[in-house]
Structures are given as structure tokens and as C-alpha cells.
C-alpha atoms as a PDB file:
ATOM      1  CA  MET A   1      36.695  -4.313 -30.708  1.00  0.00           C
ATOM      2  CA  ALA A   2      36.337  -1.652 -33.420  1.00  0.00           C
ATOM      3  CA  THR A   3      33.018   0.125 -33.657  1.00  0.00           C
ATOM      4  CA  THR A   4      31.640   0.632 -37.116  1.00  0.00           C
ATOM      5  CA  VAL A   5      30.286   3.955 -38.225  1.00  0.00           C
ATOM      6  CA  LYS A   6      26.999   3.879 -40.049  1.00  0.00           C
ATOM      7  CA  ARG A   7      25.124   6.700 -41.643  1.00  0.00           C
ATOM      8  CA  LYS A   8      21.722   7.535 -40.278  1.00  0.00           C
ATOM      9  CA  VAL A   9      19.284   7.023 -43.093  1.00  0.00           C
ATOM     10  CA  HIS A  10      16.168   9.139 -43.079  1.00  0.00           C
ATOM     11  CA  PRO A  11      13.172   6.843 -42.912  1.00  0.00           C
ATOM     12  CA  THR A  12      11.447   5.952 -46.112  1.00  0.00           C
ATOM     13  CA  LYS A  13       8.207   4.692 -44.657  1.00  0.00           C
ATOM     14  CA  LYS A  14       6.027   2.923 -47.139  1.00  0.00           C
ATOM     15  CA  HIS A  15       2.868   4.932 -47.455  1.00  0.00           C
ATOM     16  CA  SER A  16      -0.035   4.029 -49.611  1.00  0.00           C
ATOM     17  CA  THR A  17       0.006   5.859 -52.913  1.00  0.00           C
ATOM     18  CA  ARG A  18      -2.551   6.798 -55.490  1.00  0.00           C
ATOM     19  CA  SER A  19      -2.391   8.141 -58.991  1.00  0.00           C
ATOM     20  CA  ILE A  20      -3.559  11.633 -59.752  1.00  0.00           C
ATOM     21  CA  SER A  21      -3.179  13.831 -62.787  1.00  0.00           C
ATOM     22  CA  TYR A  22      -2.640  17.576 -63.071  1.00  0.00           C
ATOM     23  CA  ARG A  23      -2.720  19.889 -66.023  1.00  0.00           C
ATOM     24  CA  LEU A  24       0.512  21.871 -66.085  1.00  0.00           C
ATOM     25  CA  PRO A  25       1.933  24.338 -68.607  1.00  0.00           C
ATOM     26  CA  ASP A  26       4.343  22.820 -71.143  1.00  0.00           C
ATOM     27  CA  LYS A  27       7.118  25.121 -69.922  1.00  0.00           C
ATOM     28  CA  ILE A  28       6.931  23.693 -66.383  1.00  0.00           C
ATOM     29  CA  LEU A  29       6.838  20.124 -67.668  1.00  0.00           C
ATOM     30  CA  ASP A  30       9.839  20.783 -69.926  1.00  0.00           C
ATOM     31  CA  GLU A  31      11.804  22.156 -66.960  1.00  0.00           C
ATOM     32  CA  ILE A  32      10.872  19.147 -64.802  1.00  0.00           C
ATOM     33  CA  GLU A  33      11.912  16.745 -67.554  1.00  0.00           C
ATOM     34  CA  THR A  34      15.238  18.543 -68.014  1.00  0.00           C
ATOM     35  CA  GLU A  35      15.948  18.632 -64.290  1.00  0.00           C
ATOM     36  CA  ALA A  36      15.032  14.962 -63.858  1.00  0.00           C
ATOM     37  CA  ARG A  37      17.371  13.994 -66.709  1.00  0.00           C
ATOM     38  CA  GLN A  38      20.214  16.055 -65.207  1.00  0.00           C
ATOM     39  CA  LYS A  39      19.698  14.405 -61.814  1.00  0.00           C
ATOM     40  CA  ASN A  40      19.323  10.996 -63.456  1.00  0.00           C
ATOM     41  CA  ILE A  41      15.985  10.360 -61.736  1.00  0.00           C
ATOM     42  CA  SER A  42      12.457   9.846 -62.990  1.00  0.00           C
ATOM     43  CA  HIS A  43       9.959  12.684 -63.345  1.00  0.00           C
ATOM     44  CA  ASN A  44       7.853  11.009 -60.681  1.00  0.00           C
ATOM     45  CA  VAL A  45      10.742  10.976 -58.172  1.00  0.00           C
ATOM     46  CA  LEU A  46      11.555  14.636 -58.867  1.00  0.00           C
ATOM     47  CA  VAL A  47       7.944  15.762 -58.467  1.00  0.00           C
ATOM     48  CA  LYS A  48       7.703  13.727 -55.231  1.00  0.00           C
ATOM     49  CA  GLN A  49      10.873  15.436 -53.919  1.00  0.00           C
ATOM     50  CA  ILE A  50       9.497  18.869 -54.813  1.00  0.00           C
ATOM     51  CA  LEU A  51       6.186  18.182 -53.088  1.00  0.00           C
ATOM     52  CA  GLU A  52       7.858  16.667 -49.997  1.00  0.00           C
ATOM     53  CA  LYS A  53      10.058  19.757 -49.621  1.00  0.00           C
ATOM     54  CA  TYR A  54       6.980  21.941 -49.875  1.00  0.00           C
ATOM     55  CA  VAL A  55       4.987  19.894 -47.350  1.00  0.00           C
ATOM     56  CA  ASN A  56       7.894  19.513 -44.874  1.00  0.00           C
ATOM     57  CA  TRP A  57       9.309  23.046 -45.024  1.00  0.00           C
ATOM     58  CA  ASP A  58       8.359  25.531 -47.720  1.00  0.00           C
ATOM     59  CA  ARG A  59       4.707  25.913 -46.701  1.00  0.00           C
ATOM     60  CA  PHE A  60       5.852  26.977 -43.229  1.00  0.00           C
ATOM     61  CA  ALA A  61       8.751  29.212 -44.288  1.00  0.00           C
ATOM     62  CA  ASP A  62       6.834  32.462 -44.698  1.00  0.00           C
ATOM     63  CA  LYS A  63       4.699  31.739 -41.601  1.00  0.00           C
ATOM     64  CA  ILE A  64       7.809  31.517 -39.409  1.00  0.00           C
ATOM     65  CA  GLY A  65       9.467  34.507 -41.060  1.00  0.00           C
ATOM     66  CA  MET A  66      12.111  32.754 -43.174  1.00  0.00           C
ATOM     67  CA  VAL A  67      13.600  34.714 -46.043  1.00  0.00           C
ATOM     68  CA  PRO A  68      16.157  33.420 -48.529  1.00  0.00           C
ATOM     69  CA  VAL A  69      19.572  35.027 -48.180  1.00  0.00           C
ATOM     70  CA  PRO A  70      22.240  34.633 -50.871  1.00  0.00           C
ATOM     71  CA  ARG A  71      25.308  32.678 -49.730  1.00  0.00           C
ATOM     72  CA  LYS A  72      27.591  35.576 -50.771  1.00  0.00           C
ATOM     73  CA  ILE A  73      25.907  37.859 -48.223  1.00  0.00           C
ATOM     74  CA  LEU A  74      26.365  35.336 -45.409  1.00  0.00           C
ATOM     75  CA  ASP A  75      29.948  34.775 -46.506  1.00  0.00           C
ATOM     76  CA  SER A  76      30.741  38.492 -46.431  1.00  0.00           C
ATOM     77  CA  LEU A  77      28.991  39.012 -43.069  1.00  0.00           C
ATOM     78  CA  GLY A  78      30.898  36.132 -41.492  1.00  0.00           C
ATOM     79  CA  GLY A  79      34.221  37.934 -41.608  1.00  0.00           C
ATOM     80  CA  GLU A  80      32.765  40.807 -39.593  1.00  0.00           C
ATOM     81  CA  LEU A  81      31.131  38.733 -36.837  1.00  0.00           C
ATOM     82  CA  THR A  82      32.471  39.172 -33.332  1.00  0.00           C
ATOM     83  CA  ASN A  83      31.844  36.772 -30.458  1.00  0.00           C
ATOM     84  CA  ILE A  84      29.341  39.305 -29.080  1.00  0.00           C
ATOM     85  CA  ASP A  85      27.527  39.387 -32.454  1.00  0.00           C
ATOM     86  CA  ILE A  86      27.404  35.580 -32.532  1.00  0.00           C
ATOM     87  CA  THR A  87      25.930  35.472 -29.019  1.00  0.00           C
ATOM     88  CA  LYS A  88      23.308  38.124 -29.889  1.00  0.00           C
ATOM     89  CA  ILE A  89      22.244  36.264 -33.039  1.00  0.00           C
ATOM     90  CA  ILE A  90      21.998  32.968 -31.167  1.00  0.00           C
ATOM     91  CA  ASP A  91      20.014  34.621 -28.353  1.00  0.00           C
ATOM     92  CA  GLY A  92      17.488  35.701 -30.985  1.00  0.00           C
ATOM     93  CA  LEU A  93      17.441  32.323 -32.730  1.00  0.00           C
ATOM     94  CA  ILE A  94      16.820  30.103 -29.709  1.00  0.00           C
ATOM     95  CA  PRO A  95      13.154  31.152 -29.231  1.00  0.00           C
ATOM     96  CA  LEU A  96      12.645  30.953 -33.013  1.00  0.00           C
ATOM     97  CA  ILE A  97      13.970  27.379 -33.130  1.00  0.00           C
ATOM     98  CA  LYS A  98      11.679  26.379 -30.246  1.00  0.00           C
ATOM     99  CA  ASP A  99       8.660  28.063 -31.859  1.00  0.00           C
ATOM    100  CA  THR A 100       9.470  26.538 -35.248  1.00  0.00           C
ATOM    101  CA  SER A 101       9.761  23.033 -33.811  1.00  0.00           C
ATOM    102  CA  MET A 102       6.479  23.442 -31.953  1.00  0.00           C
ATOM    103  CA  PHE A 103       4.706  24.908 -34.986  1.00  0.00           C
ATOM    104  CA  ILE A 104       5.967  22.439 -37.592  1.00  0.00           C
ATOM    105  CA  LYS A 105       6.488  19.271 -35.537  1.00  0.00           C
ATOM    106  CA  GLY A 106       3.876  19.771 -32.821  1.00  0.00           C
ATOM    107  CA  GLY A 107       6.268  19.868 -29.864  1.00  0.00           C
ATOM    108  CA  TYR A 108       9.733  20.688 -28.591  1.00  0.00           C
ATOM    109  CA  ASP A 109      11.867  17.752 -27.542  1.00  0.00           C
ATOM    110  CA  LEU A 110      15.259  16.456 -28.656  1.00  0.00           C
ATOM    111  CA  GLU A 111      13.891  14.381 -31.520  1.00  0.00           C
ATOM    112  CA  ARG A 112      11.677  17.116 -32.989  1.00  0.00           C
ATOM    113  CA  CYS A 113      14.361  19.754 -32.505  1.00  0.00           C
ATOM    114  CA  ILE A 114      16.978  17.731 -34.400  1.00  0.00           C
ATOM    115  CA  GLU A 115      14.490  16.831 -37.115  1.00  0.00           C
ATOM    116  CA  THR A 116      13.537  20.517 -37.521  1.00  0.00           C
ATOM    117  CA  LEU A 117      17.203  21.518 -37.847  1.00  0.00           C
ATOM    118  CA  GLU A 118      17.770  18.736 -40.405  1.00  0.00           C
ATOM    119  CA  ASP A 119      14.712  19.875 -42.393  1.00  0.00           C
ATOM    120  CA  TYR A 120      16.035  23.446 -42.377  1.00  0.00           C
ATOM    121  CA  MET A 121      19.470  22.376 -43.612  1.00  0.00           C
ATOM    122  CA  ARG A 122      17.965  20.261 -46.392  1.00  0.00           C
ATOM    123  CA  ALA A 123      15.651  23.102 -47.439  1.00  0.00           C
ATOM    124  CA  SER A 124      18.468  25.664 -47.413  1.00  0.00           C
ATOM    125  CA  GLY A 125      20.798  23.448 -49.453  1.00  0.00           C
ATOM    126  CA  MET A 126      23.293  23.087 -46.609  1.00  0.00           C
ATOM    127  CA  LYS A 127      25.008  19.724 -46.473  1.00  0.00           C
ATOM    128  CA  SER A 128      24.431  17.687 -43.334  1.00  0.00           C
ATOM    129  CA  ASP A 129      24.822  14.099 -42.277  1.00  0.00           C
ATOM    130  CA  HIS A 130      23.984  11.998 -39.247  1.00  0.00           C
ATOM    131  CA  ARG A 131      26.313   9.098 -38.463  1.00  0.00           C
ATOM    132  CA  ILE A 132      26.116   6.593 -35.642  1.00  0.00           C
ATOM    133  CA  GLU A 133      29.123   4.941 -34.042  1.00  0.00           C
ATOM    134  CA  GLY A 134      27.967   2.666 -31.223  1.00  0.00           C
ATOM    135  CA  ASP A 135      26.093   4.957 -28.791  1.00  0.00           C
ATOM    136  CA  ILE A 136      27.640   8.130 -30.251  1.00  0.00           C
ATOM    137  CA  HIS A 137      25.733  10.178 -32.815  1.00  0.00           C
ATOM    138  CA  HIS A 138      27.785  12.464 -35.042  1.00  0.00           C
ATOM    139  CA  PHE A 139      25.907  15.393 -36.585  1.00  0.00           C
ATOM    140  CA  VAL A 140      27.956  16.800 -39.458  1.00  0.00           C
ATOM    141  CA  VAL A 141      27.180  20.246 -40.897  1.00  0.00           C
ATOM    142  CA  GLN A 142      29.075  21.547 -43.905  1.00  0.00           C
ATOM    143  CA  HIS A 143      28.389  25.236 -44.508  1.00  0.00           C
ATOM    144  CA  GLU A 144      31.517  26.343 -46.433  1.00  0.00           C
ATOM    145  CA  LEU A 145      31.225  29.910 -45.079  1.00  0.00           C
ATOM    146  CA  GLY A 146      34.418  30.306 -43.063  1.00  0.00           C
ATOM    147  CA  ILE A 147      35.617  29.905 -39.497  1.00  0.00           C
ATOM    148  CA  LYS A 148      33.273  32.522 -37.991  1.00  0.00           C
ATOM    149  CA  TRP A 149      30.262  30.545 -39.234  1.00  0.00           C
ATOM    150  CA  SER A 150      31.826  27.374 -37.801  1.00  0.00           C
ATOM    151  CA  ILE A 151      32.071  29.111 -34.424  1.00  0.00           C
ATOM    152  CA  PHE A 152      28.470  30.281 -34.846  1.00  0.00           C
ATOM    153  CA  THR A 153      27.260  26.768 -35.779  1.00  0.00           C
ATOM    154  CA  GLU A 154      29.072  25.156 -32.847  1.00  0.00           C
ATOM    155  CA  GLN A 155      27.730  27.696 -30.347  1.00  0.00           C
ATOM    156  CA  LEU A 156      24.199  27.421 -31.746  1.00  0.00           C
ATOM    157  CA  MET A 157      24.243  23.626 -31.539  1.00  0.00           C
ATOM    158  CA  LYS A 158      25.542  23.779 -27.951  1.00  0.00           C
ATOM    159  CA  ARG A 159      22.770  26.164 -26.912  1.00  0.00           C
ATOM    160  CA  VAL A 160      19.994  24.271 -28.686  1.00  0.00           C
ATOM    161  CA  LEU A 161      21.052  20.818 -27.516  1.00  0.00           C
ATOM    162  CA  ASN A 162      21.743  22.050 -23.971  1.00  0.00           C
ATOM    163  CA  ASP A 163      17.977  22.079 -23.379  1.00  0.00           C
ATOM    164  CA  PHE A 164      18.185  18.268 -23.580  1.00  0.00           C
ATOM    165  CA  ILE A 165      21.834  17.232 -23.106  1.00  0.00           C
ATOM    166  CA  ASP A 166      24.525  18.295 -20.648  1.00  0.00           C
ATOM    167  CA  ASN A 167      27.179  20.395 -22.459  1.00  0.00           C
ATOM    168  CA  GLU A 168      29.982  18.226 -21.046  1.00  0.00           C
ATOM    169  CA  LYS A 169      28.632  15.259 -23.025  1.00  0.00           C
ATOM    170  CA  MET A 170      28.940  17.113 -26.346  1.00  0.00           C
ATOM    171  CA  LYS A 171      32.175  17.053 -28.306  1.00  0.00           C
ATOM    172  CA  PHE A 172      32.837  19.349 -31.266  1.00  0.00           C
ATOM    173  CA  GLU A 173      35.315  19.409 -34.126  1.00  0.00           C
ATOM    174  CA  ALA A 174      35.401  22.313 -36.541  1.00  0.00           C
ATOM    175  CA  THR A 175      37.190  23.541 -39.625  1.00  0.00           C
ATOM    176  CA  GLU A 176      36.540  26.590 -41.805  1.00  0.00           C
ATOM    177  CA  SER A 177      33.709  24.799 -43.567  1.00  0.00           C
ATOM    178  CA  THR A 178      32.537  21.920 -41.374  1.00  0.00           C
ATOM    179  CA  VAL A 179      31.314  21.329 -37.831  1.00  0.00           C
ATOM    180  CA  ILE A 180      30.844  17.919 -36.231  1.00  0.00           C
ATOM    181  CA  CYS A 181      28.869  17.553 -33.011  1.00  0.00           C
ATOM    182  CA  SER A 182      29.276  14.157 -31.318  1.00  0.00           C
ATOM    183  CA  VAL A 183      26.775  13.231 -28.625  1.00  0.00           C
ATOM    184  CA  PRO A 184      26.104   9.994 -26.727  1.00  0.00           C
ATOM    185  CA  LEU A 185      22.414   9.400 -27.471  1.00  0.00           C
ATOM    186  CA  GLY A 186      22.373   5.603 -27.525  1.00  0.00           C
ATOM    187  CA  ALA A 187      22.218   3.195 -30.432  1.00  0.00           C
ATOM    188  CA  ASP A 188      18.417   3.287 -30.517  1.00  0.00           C
ATOM    189  CA  PHE A 189      17.980   7.076 -30.729  1.00  0.00           C
ATOM    190  CA  ASP A 190      15.959   8.120 -33.770  1.00  0.00           C
ATOM    191  CA  GLU A 191      14.948  11.746 -34.302  1.00  0.00           C
ATOM    192  CA  HIS A 192      12.137  10.644 -36.612  1.00  0.00           C
ATOM    193  CA  ILE A 193      10.249   8.710 -33.940  1.00  0.00           C
ATOM    194  CA  TYR A 194       8.358  10.762 -31.375  1.00  0.00           C
END
């Protein structure tokens, strides 16, 4: 019997809403209107997306020491990375990921860790997807930065997830721009419920 693959949809819980008005400079409103038209969404949806990104990530970014780095810099650094460099960077990131999950999500477990990583990828503009095929969850990361960054991403995911999952249960596929981590988490696993 063939197993169907379905994409993991981020929850859109219905929350109560209320109307509020703000006075904003015309220049900001013009930019929001232009952006909403280009994205083919309403102003309300765009403003909601902007505020959600701020509440879920941006307000914490400076508190956890995040700085924006242009893609070109990461791309150029990737060619120079050695396996030792990758290990050193990951060694430094592991405590940061734990601290970030605890600070933003209020704890460090598999669900909060995955949700924190997904929030980071969304905030940084990196493409990611979560697909479910039976009991197997496929986490797809598309970075488009070259094979060294694929090696980095795979090793980082192994180290982070190893706190919760045995490495032998994880399967990876990688190209120059994409990494897929497949893990048996069960059909009912949901990183947004904890």
C-alpha cells in the first residue's frame, strides 16, 4: 500500500480578534500598500504577517545576539570551510540553540527545538518545509549556499536532534542547495503542541 506524503501545515489557530487603529506616516502606508499589491494579499494580512514575525522572532533577535549577514558573505565563506571549521561552528551553536529555545519557547524539548529552528528559517528567509509520510517526518531545508553549507546543515541537524533521537534513526539526503532530514516521529507528532 502506497503511503501518501502530506505537507505539515503550520497551525492557524483561530484567536479572537479586535479592531485597533494606528496613526502611521503616509510613506509607511504607501510602502505597505505597494508590498501588499505585489504579494497579492490584503493590507491587513501583510500587517498581520509583519507583526507575527516581530512577535515570534524579531523582538528576541538582538537579545540572543542575532545579526543579519548578507547571503554573499555566507556563500563566500562556505567554500573555505573545512570539516574542523564546521565542527567548531556547530560546537558553538549547540548551546545557543538550547538557550534560544528555552528563552523564546520556554523549554528545550524536541517540539520546541524544531519550532525554534523553523522560526529562525522563516525569519532569515531560508526555505524550509515539513512533510509527513506515514510515521516519517521529512524536514527539508533549502539554503542555496553550496555543498559545504549542506554538510554544515546536515551535521548541525544531527547534533541538535541527537539530544532527542538516536542518530541511527535519522536519514539524510543532500545536494549543493538542499538538505532533507527524515526521522520516524510518528503520525501524530506536532512540533507546535507542547
